[in-house]
Structures are given as structure tokens and as C-alpha cells.
Amino acid sequence: MNTSKPRPEGLVAIDREMARQNEDALVSFRQAGPMAEKVAAALQRSGRLLMLGMGGSHAVARAVEPLYRALGIDAVALPLSEQLGAPLALEGRTVLVTSQSGESAEVLRWFMEANGAEDVFGLTLEAGSFLARTAPCLVGAGGTELAFAATRSLTVTFALHLAILTALGEDPAPAIRALETPQEVDVGPALTALEGVGTVVTSGRSLQGLAEALALGLTELSRLPCYSLEGGQLRHGPMEMLGPKVGVVLFRGDDATGDLVAAMAASVVEAGAPAVVFDASGKPPVSGAVTLAFHAASGLAAIFAMLPVAQRLMIAFADARVENAGTPVRSTKITRSE
């Protein structure tokens, strides 16, 4: 691992975003209460939620899908591009459109084609954006994220969802504690385990959305094919790819799916692939896997604990592989074309 080269400018920009993300998330949660109450009231009327977004915004929606469902909300997350091409009917649904910039191409086109859909709300980091001007929005603190890969924008958007979930009756205390007292977990052993891989696959069960967010960041920064498969989907055939050159990163929470994640970790180890487990289950680690241990937690408390550590892992993984990690060569921060 090369640790002597100068820090790339793109990673310095990410460092700045990450340094303030927990504080911005706490401010966002506190400020979002009034609008979160309006979203919660709409959800209590409809009982059905459609979350639309792209990239990291979609990964956040995937992560909170099960949390809304646990509160009795029929929640579905779709990429905005899929909704544009093969739309679900909007009647009877509360819609949350998420875009950290509020300016991406799909957001603009969807509002042109939505034909006055009712109960549409937005989540964004930019108060002056198209999205914020077009729909009632929960606006995260700190303004637009400037660095390429999503870090602060994910944490802040999760905090906005925490405000909505709180308005629906969820206890926010465990998640707030995770933001206020972040755990220091050494990613060194995980980096060593993944040192020789050419591909990383991330996976989870109840924390699958978090796995998808990490895979996106790994791909963007390292420029290697890193992707995510929900735990059951990984079982159904793709296990054939496993071997020393394919690293697997798993997310395990203190919930009913924890044993399934542990069983997958054991299978990955048996296949000879490097296995890393972000583990907030409170249960014994899986033999042969590298375990990054957290206090027992589930839901957003587990996400807020694990996310900054996962971000540090993806940054270090990329920095060891490319000279200018964090500087996009084929993409832009705000995607303005489809």
C-alpha cells in the first residue's frame, strides 16, 4: 500500500466533506421537523411511499425502504430513470424525490412529465435548486456537496429521513447517539484483506442499501468494477465468481437477518474469497472473515455507525490503486444528461 504520495486534491475535497458530515446531519435533523411532519401526515393518509432518485440518492432510499415498511408504510424505491421509462402509477402514493443537487437531468424531466402529481415532496442539499423551487422540500444543512463521491450528502439525507421516521413514531435516540459519538474502527485489516482483489462485491440483507452506497463509491473512486448484490440474490448463482480476486464486503445488523449474513460470510470464506464484515449484530464474528465490529445496532443507528468507516475504507482502497482518486475522468458531480 503506497502511503507516501501526496494526497490527491479530489480526496482532500472528500476529507473536507466528511469532517463536517455528522454535525451537518444533526443540524439537518433538528431543522427538518416541520416539513417532516407534513411528509409524515401525507404518508399516514396514503400508507404508500414511492422514493425516486439516482446514484447515491437511490442507495439511501434503498437503505430506508425496510424502515418505512416496519412502520406499516408500503415503501418502494425506484431509480428515477426507471420511473421515467416504466412508471409506477402515482395515484394514492406519497412521492419523495431525492437529489442532493436538485438539478440532475432526470429530476428536471420527471417534473415536466409528472402531470401535477399530488403529495410530492423533495429531499435536497441545495435550497436554491430546481427541486427546492418546484416541490416542498426537506433541505439538508451545509449546502451542496462539492467532492465527487457521495459522503456528506448520504449522511445528511439519512438524517432527513430520520426526521420523517421520527414524525411517524420512530425513536430517534439510538441514531442520534451514533451521530454524536462516532466509533473509531480500524480499517487496516480490511484493506489488507482486499489488497489483491480486482473486484469488490458488497452485500447485505436489511442493510442492503448501505451495501449499495459503498459499492457505488468504491467504483467511482477506484475505477474498478465494484457492485452490490442483496444477500439472497448473491446465493442464487453469482457465488460462482468467488475466489481470491473477488473481495466480498458484508453488512450485518442486530436484526432477524443477521444469521443469514453470517452464513454468507462463512460461505465466502469457504470459497477462498476475502471476506470483510461490518458487524453491528452483537454476535460472535465469523471465523476466517475480517470483522469490523460496532456496538449492537439496527436501522439508522447501524447505518450512522458504519457509514463513515465504510467511507474511509473506500477512500483508502481507491487511493492505493489510482493516482488521482476523487477526480472523475468520465463523470461530473451533477449529471445533466441522460
Protein backbone atom coordinates (compact mmCIF):
# COMPACT_ATOMS: atom_id res chain seq x y z
CA MET A 1 0.00 0.00 0.00
CA ASN A 2 1.51 3.33 -1.09
CA THR A 3 1.20 5.82 1.78
CA SER A 4 3.93 8.29 0.78
CA LYS A 5 2.39 10.01 -2.24
CA PRO A 6 0.72 13.44 -1.86
CA ARG A 7 -2.97 13.37 -1.01
CA PRO A 8 -4.93 13.82 -4.29
CA GLU A 9 -6.98 17.01 -4.46
CA GLY A 10 -10.17 15.02 -5.00
CA LEU A 11 -9.64 13.12 -1.76
CA VAL A 12 -8.78 16.31 0.11
CA ALA A 13 -12.17 17.63 -1.01
CA ILE A 14 -13.85 14.46 0.25
CA ASP A 15 -11.97 14.78 3.56
CA ARG A 16 -13.48 18.26 4.00
CA GLU A 17 -16.99 16.97 3.37
CA MET A 18 -16.58 14.04 5.76
CA ALA A 19 -15.15 16.21 8.53
CA ARG A 20 -18.45 18.07 8.85
CA GLN A 21 -20.96 15.39 7.87
CA ASN A 22 -22.13 14.30 11.31
CA GLU A 23 -22.62 17.86 12.55
CA ASP A 24 -24.48 18.81 9.36
CA ALA A 25 -26.63 15.71 9.78
CA LEU A 26 -27.55 16.64 13.35
CA VAL A 27 -28.43 20.20 12.28
CA SER A 28 -30.45 18.83 9.36
CA PHE A 29 -32.43 16.54 11.65
CA ARG A 30 -33.23 19.37 14.06
CA GLN A 31 -34.26 21.79 11.33
CA ALA A 32 -36.34 19.32 9.33
CA GLY A 33 -39.08 18.81 11.91
CA PRO A 34 -41.89 20.99 10.45
CA MET A 35 -41.55 19.69 6.88
CA ALA A 36 -41.04 16.14 8.15
CA GLU A 37 -44.38 16.42 9.95
CA LYS A 38 -46.04 17.33 6.65
CA VAL A 39 -44.47 14.35 4.88
CA ALA A 40 -45.46 12.06 7.75
CA ALA A 41 -49.04 13.33 7.61
CA ALA A 42 -49.18 12.59 3.87
CA LEU A 43 -47.79 9.10 4.49
CA GLN A 44 -50.32 8.44 7.21
CA ARG A 45 -53.07 9.37 4.77
CA SER A 46 -51.77 7.34 1.84
CA GLY A 47 -49.93 4.49 3.54
CA ARG A 48 -47.85 4.18 0.36
CA LEU A 49 -44.45 5.69 -0.41
CA LEU A 50 -42.56 5.89 -3.69
CA MET A 51 -38.96 7.12 -3.39
CA LEU A 52 -37.25 8.30 -6.57
CA GLY A 53 -33.60 9.20 -7.03
CA MET A 54 -30.37 8.43 -8.85
CA GLY A 55 -26.94 7.24 -7.72
CA GLY A 56 -26.32 7.78 -4.02
CA SER A 57 -29.82 9.21 -3.58
CA HIS A 58 -31.28 5.91 -4.74
CA ALA A 59 -28.94 3.96 -2.44
CA VAL A 60 -30.23 5.99 0.52
CA ALA A 61 -33.80 5.21 -0.49
CA ARG A 62 -32.97 1.51 -0.72
CA ALA A 63 -31.49 1.67 2.78
CA VAL A 64 -34.57 3.25 4.37
CA GLU A 65 -37.15 1.17 2.45
CA PRO A 66 -37.30 -1.51 5.19
CA LEU A 67 -37.51 1.14 7.91
CA TYR A 68 -40.66 2.65 6.44
CA ARG A 69 -42.11 -0.81 5.86
CA ALA A 70 -41.52 -1.68 9.52
CA LEU A 71 -43.78 1.26 10.40
CA GLY A 72 -46.56 -0.03 8.16
CA ILE A 73 -45.79 2.12 5.10
CA ASP A 74 -45.83 0.32 1.74
CA ALA A 75 -42.49 1.75 0.62
CA VAL A 76 -40.84 1.24 -2.76
CA ALA A 77 -37.59 2.80 -4.04
CA LEU A 78 -37.01 3.14 -7.78
CA PRO A 79 -34.35 4.88 -9.86
CA LEU A 80 -35.84 7.99 -11.42
CA SER A 81 -34.69 6.73 -14.80
CA GLU A 82 -36.77 3.57 -14.35
CA GLN A 83 -39.81 5.57 -13.29
CA LEU A 84 -39.42 7.66 -16.45
CA GLY A 85 -39.23 4.58 -18.67
CA ALA A 86 -41.69 2.22 -16.99
CA PRO A 87 -43.63 4.28 -14.46
CA LEU A 88 -45.50 3.04 -11.45
CA ALA A 89 -48.89 4.69 -11.07
CA LEU A 90 -48.69 7.66 -8.71
CA GLU A 91 -52.32 7.69 -7.60
CA GLY A 92 -52.60 7.04 -3.89
CA ARG A 93 -48.85 7.30 -3.31
CA THR A 94 -46.80 9.85 -1.46
CA VAL A 95 -43.69 10.57 -3.55
CA LEU A 96 -40.26 11.58 -2.28
CA VAL A 97 -37.86 12.81 -4.97
CA THR A 98 -34.26 12.95 -3.74
CA SER A 99 -31.42 14.83 -5.41
CA GLN A 100 -28.55 16.34 -3.45
CA SER A 101 -28.03 18.98 -6.15
CA GLY A 102 -31.70 19.23 -7.08
CA GLU A 103 -30.59 19.73 -10.68
CA SER A 104 -29.97 16.31 -12.26
CA ALA A 105 -31.41 15.65 -15.71
CA GLU A 106 -33.87 13.01 -14.55
CA VAL A 107 -35.29 15.28 -11.86
CA LEU A 108 -35.99 18.05 -14.36
CA ARG A 109 -37.64 15.70 -16.86
CA TRP A 110 -39.71 13.87 -14.26
CA PHE A 111 -41.31 17.06 -13.02
CA MET A 112 -42.08 18.07 -16.61
CA GLU A 113 -43.82 14.74 -17.17
CA ALA A 114 -45.40 14.08 -13.75
CA ASN A 115 -48.58 15.91 -14.74
CA GLY A 116 -49.28 17.57 -11.42
CA ALA A 117 -48.93 14.52 -9.19
CA GLU A 118 -50.20 15.18 -5.67
CA ASP A 119 -48.28 14.65 -2.44
CA VAL A 120 -44.83 15.10 -3.97
CA PHE A 121 -42.00 16.18 -1.68
CA GLY A 122 -38.27 16.58 -2.20
CA LEU A 123 -35.08 15.95 -0.28
CA THR A 124 -32.07 18.03 -1.31
CA LEU A 125 -28.98 19.81 -0.02
CA GLU A 126 -29.48 22.90 -2.17
CA ALA A 127 -32.19 25.36 -1.11
CA GLY A 128 -31.99 27.29 -4.40
CA SER A 129 -32.19 24.28 -6.69
CA PHE A 130 -34.84 23.39 -9.25
CA LEU A 131 -36.14 20.67 -6.93
CA ALA A 132 -36.45 23.04 -3.96
CA ARG A 133 -38.25 25.63 -6.11
CA THR A 134 -40.64 23.05 -7.55
CA ALA A 135 -41.73 20.93 -4.60
CA PRO A 136 -41.93 21.35 -0.82
CA CYS A 137 -38.56 20.07 0.37
CA LEU A 138 -36.61 18.92 3.36
CA VAL A 139 -33.30 20.74 2.85
CA GLY A 140 -30.12 19.42 4.41
CA ALA A 141 -27.67 21.70 6.20
CA GLY A 142 -24.37 22.76 4.72
CA GLY A 143 -25.27 23.30 1.10
CA THR A 144 -24.27 21.32 -1.97
CA GLU A 145 -21.61 18.65 -1.61
CA LEU A 146 -18.63 19.65 -3.76
CA ALA A 147 -16.50 16.50 -3.74
CA PHE A 148 -17.16 13.85 -6.38
CA ALA A 149 -18.12 10.67 -4.49
CA ALA A 150 -21.11 10.96 -2.16
CA THR A 151 -20.18 11.08 1.53
CA ARG A 152 -21.70 14.01 3.44
CA SER A 153 -24.73 14.04 1.13
CA LEU A 154 -25.55 10.46 2.13
CA THR A 155 -25.27 11.15 5.85
CA VAL A 156 -27.33 14.32 5.65
CA THR A 157 -30.03 12.65 3.54
CA PHE A 158 -30.25 9.80 6.03
CA ALA A 159 -30.77 12.45 8.73
CA LEU A 160 -33.67 13.95 6.76
CA HIS A 161 -35.26 10.50 6.60
CA LEU A 162 -34.68 10.15 10.34
CA ALA A 163 -36.76 13.30 10.81
CA ILE A 164 -39.61 11.78 8.80
CA LEU A 165 -39.38 8.44 10.59
CA THR A 166 -39.41 10.27 13.92
CA ALA A 167 -42.56 12.11 12.91
CA LEU A 168 -44.05 8.69 12.13
CA GLY A 169 -43.28 7.49 15.66
CA GLU A 170 -39.76 6.05 15.46
CA ASP A 171 -37.45 6.69 18.44
CA PRO A 172 -34.51 8.72 17.07
CA ALA A 173 -32.32 8.40 20.18
CA PRO A 174 -30.11 5.44 19.05
CA ALA A 175 -29.42 7.08 15.67
CA ILE A 176 -28.66 10.45 17.27
CA ARG A 177 -26.21 8.78 19.68
CA ALA A 178 -24.43 7.16 16.73
CA LEU A 179 -24.02 10.59 15.11
CA GLU A 180 -22.92 12.32 18.30
CA THR A 181 -20.42 9.65 19.39
CA PRO A 182 -18.96 8.03 16.25
CA GLN A 183 -16.99 4.83 16.76
CA GLU A 184 -13.35 4.66 15.76
CA VAL A 185 -12.82 1.39 13.89
CA ASP A 186 -9.53 0.49 12.22
CA VAL A 187 -9.99 -0.31 8.52
CA GLY A 188 -6.38 -1.52 8.16
CA PRO A 189 -7.17 -5.25 8.41
CA ALA A 190 -9.93 -4.87 5.82
CA LEU A 191 -7.58 -3.05 3.45
CA THR A 192 -5.02 -5.81 3.84
CA ALA A 193 -7.64 -8.46 3.11
CA LEU A 194 -8.73 -6.66 -0.07
CA GLU A 195 -5.23 -5.78 -1.24
CA GLY A 196 -5.04 -8.36 -4.02
CA VAL A 197 -8.59 -8.19 -5.38
CA GLY A 198 -9.66 -6.79 -8.73
CA THR A 199 -13.37 -6.65 -7.91
CA VAL A 200 -15.37 -5.98 -4.77
CA VAL A 201 -18.92 -7.18 -4.25
CA THR A 202 -20.89 -5.69 -1.37
CA SER A 203 -23.93 -7.36 0.13
CA GLY A 204 -26.41 -7.22 2.96
CA ARG A 205 -29.94 -8.11 3.93
CA SER A 206 -31.72 -5.41 5.96
CA LEU A 207 -28.65 -3.17 5.35
CA GLN A 208 -28.51 -3.80 1.60
CA GLY A 209 -28.98 -0.13 0.75
CA LEU A 210 -25.84 0.70 2.71
CA ALA A 211 -24.01 -2.01 0.78
CA GLU A 212 -25.17 -0.42 -2.47
CA ALA A 213 -23.94 3.01 -1.39
CA LEU A 214 -20.48 1.58 -0.66
CA ALA A 215 -20.30 -0.25 -3.98
CA LEU A 216 -21.12 2.95 -5.84
CA GLY A 217 -18.40 4.89 -4.01
CA LEU A 218 -15.83 2.14 -4.49
CA THR A 219 -16.49 2.08 -8.23
CA GLU A 220 -16.41 5.86 -8.62
CA LEU A 221 -13.16 6.28 -6.72
CA SER A 222 -11.16 3.15 -7.59
CA ARG A 223 -12.47 2.80 -11.19
CA LEU A 224 -12.69 -0.93 -10.61
CA PRO A 225 -15.87 -2.97 -11.18
CA CYS A 226 -17.39 -2.96 -7.71
CA TYR A 227 -21.08 -3.71 -7.37
CA SER A 228 -23.71 -4.89 -4.94
CA LEU A 229 -25.98 -7.93 -4.68
CA GLU A 230 -28.61 -8.44 -1.99
CA GLY A 231 -27.72 -11.49 0.10
CA GLY A 232 -30.36 -13.77 -1.32
CA GLN A 233 -29.51 -12.74 -4.86
CA LEU A 234 -25.84 -13.47 -4.22
CA ARG A 235 -26.82 -17.01 -3.19
CA HIS A 236 -28.74 -17.68 -6.40
CA GLY A 237 -25.90 -18.30 -8.84
CA PRO A 238 -23.36 -15.45 -8.55
CA MET A 239 -21.43 -17.42 -5.90
CA GLU A 240 -19.67 -18.94 -8.93
CA MET A 241 -17.48 -15.82 -9.24
CA LEU A 242 -15.95 -16.17 -5.78
CA GLY A 243 -12.22 -16.66 -5.43
CA PRO A 244 -9.06 -14.88 -4.28
CA LYS A 245 -9.50 -11.97 -6.74
CA VAL A 246 -13.08 -11.14 -5.68
CA GLY A 247 -13.48 -9.44 -2.32
CA VAL A 248 -16.84 -9.50 -0.55
CA VAL A 249 -17.90 -6.84 1.96
CA LEU A 250 -20.94 -7.71 4.06
CA PHE A 251 -23.13 -5.61 6.36
CA ARG A 252 -24.68 -7.27 9.41
CA GLY A 253 -27.02 -5.60 11.89
CA ASP A 254 -28.70 -6.56 15.14
CA ASP A 255 -31.84 -7.85 13.49
CA ALA A 256 -33.51 -11.02 12.24
CA THR A 257 -31.35 -11.16 9.11
CA GLY A 258 -28.02 -11.25 10.96
CA ASP A 259 -27.68 -15.03 10.86
CA LEU A 260 -28.20 -15.04 7.09
CA VAL A 261 -25.36 -12.56 6.67
CA ALA A 262 -23.15 -14.69 8.91
CA ALA A 263 -23.93 -17.77 6.83
CA MET A 264 -22.99 -15.88 3.67
CA ALA A 265 -19.70 -14.75 5.24
CA ALA A 266 -18.89 -18.37 6.09
CA SER A 267 -19.63 -19.41 2.51
CA VAL A 268 -17.41 -16.66 1.13
CA VAL A 269 -14.53 -17.77 3.37
CA GLU A 270 -15.07 -21.39 2.30
CA ALA A 271 -14.86 -20.30 -1.36
CA GLY A 272 -11.44 -18.74 -0.75
CA ALA A 273 -12.55 -15.15 -1.32
CA PRO A 274 -11.53 -12.36 1.07
CA ALA A 275 -14.46 -11.55 3.34
CA VAL A 276 -14.95 -8.33 5.31
CA VAL A 277 -17.92 -7.98 7.66
CA PHE A 278 -19.20 -4.67 9.02
CA ASP A 279 -20.80 -6.19 12.09
CA ALA A 280 -23.27 -4.47 14.42
CA SER A 281 -25.05 -7.70 15.32
CA GLY A 282 -23.58 -8.07 18.80
CA LYS A 283 -22.93 -11.74 17.94
CA PRO A 284 -19.62 -13.64 17.62
CA PRO A 285 -17.61 -12.94 14.45
CA VAL A 286 -17.42 -15.40 11.58
CA SER A 287 -14.22 -17.43 11.59
CA GLY A 288 -11.91 -16.54 8.70
CA ALA A 289 -13.58 -13.21 7.93
CA VAL A 290 -12.16 -9.81 8.80
CA THR A 291 -14.67 -8.27 11.19
CA LEU A 292 -15.10 -4.53 11.73
CA ALA A 293 -17.03 -4.60 15.00
CA PHE A 294 -19.58 -1.98 16.10
CA HIS A 295 -21.91 -1.69 19.06
CA ALA A 296 -25.06 -3.74 18.56
CA ALA A 297 -27.45 -1.64 16.47
CA SER A 298 -30.00 -1.82 13.71
CA GLY A 299 -31.65 0.56 11.27
CA LEU A 300 -30.32 4.10 11.06
CA ALA A 301 -28.26 3.69 14.23
CA ALA A 302 -26.28 0.93 12.48
CA ILE A 303 -26.08 2.97 9.28
CA PHE A 304 -24.74 6.09 11.01
CA ALA A 305 -22.17 3.98 12.88
CA MET A 306 -20.95 2.05 9.83
CA LEU A 307 -21.16 4.65 7.07
CA PRO A 308 -18.13 6.82 7.97
CA VAL A 309 -15.98 3.74 8.45
CA ALA A 310 -17.14 2.35 5.10
CA GLN A 311 -16.27 5.71 3.54
CA ARG A 312 -12.75 5.57 4.97
CA LEU A 313 -12.36 2.05 3.60
CA MET A 314 -13.48 3.03 0.09
CA ILE A 315 -11.18 6.07 0.06
CA ALA A 316 -8.12 4.14 1.19
CA PHE A 317 -8.91 1.28 -1.19
CA ALA A 318 -9.07 3.72 -4.12
CA ASP A 319 -6.06 5.76 -3.07
CA ALA A 320 -3.92 2.62 -3.19
CA ARG A 321 -4.96 1.94 -6.79
CA VAL A 322 -5.18 5.21 -8.73
CA GLU A 323 -3.00 8.31 -8.69
CA ASN A 324 -5.78 10.89 -8.68
CA ALA A 325 -8.58 9.21 -6.75
CA GLY A 326 -11.53 11.51 -6.26
CA THR A 327 -11.09 13.30 -9.59
CA PRO A 328 -13.63 11.96 -12.10
CA VAL A 329 -12.44 11.27 -15.65
CA ARG A 330 -15.74 10.27 -17.29
CA SER A 331 -18.39 11.73 -14.98
CA THR A 332 -19.46 15.01 -13.41
CA LYS A 333 -20.75 15.73 -9.93
CA ILE A 334 -24.14 16.82 -11.28
CA THR A 335 -25.30 14.58 -14.11
CA ARG A 336 -27.07 16.88 -16.56
CA SER A 337 -27.65 14.41 -19.41
CA GLU A 338 -29.48 11.13 -19.66
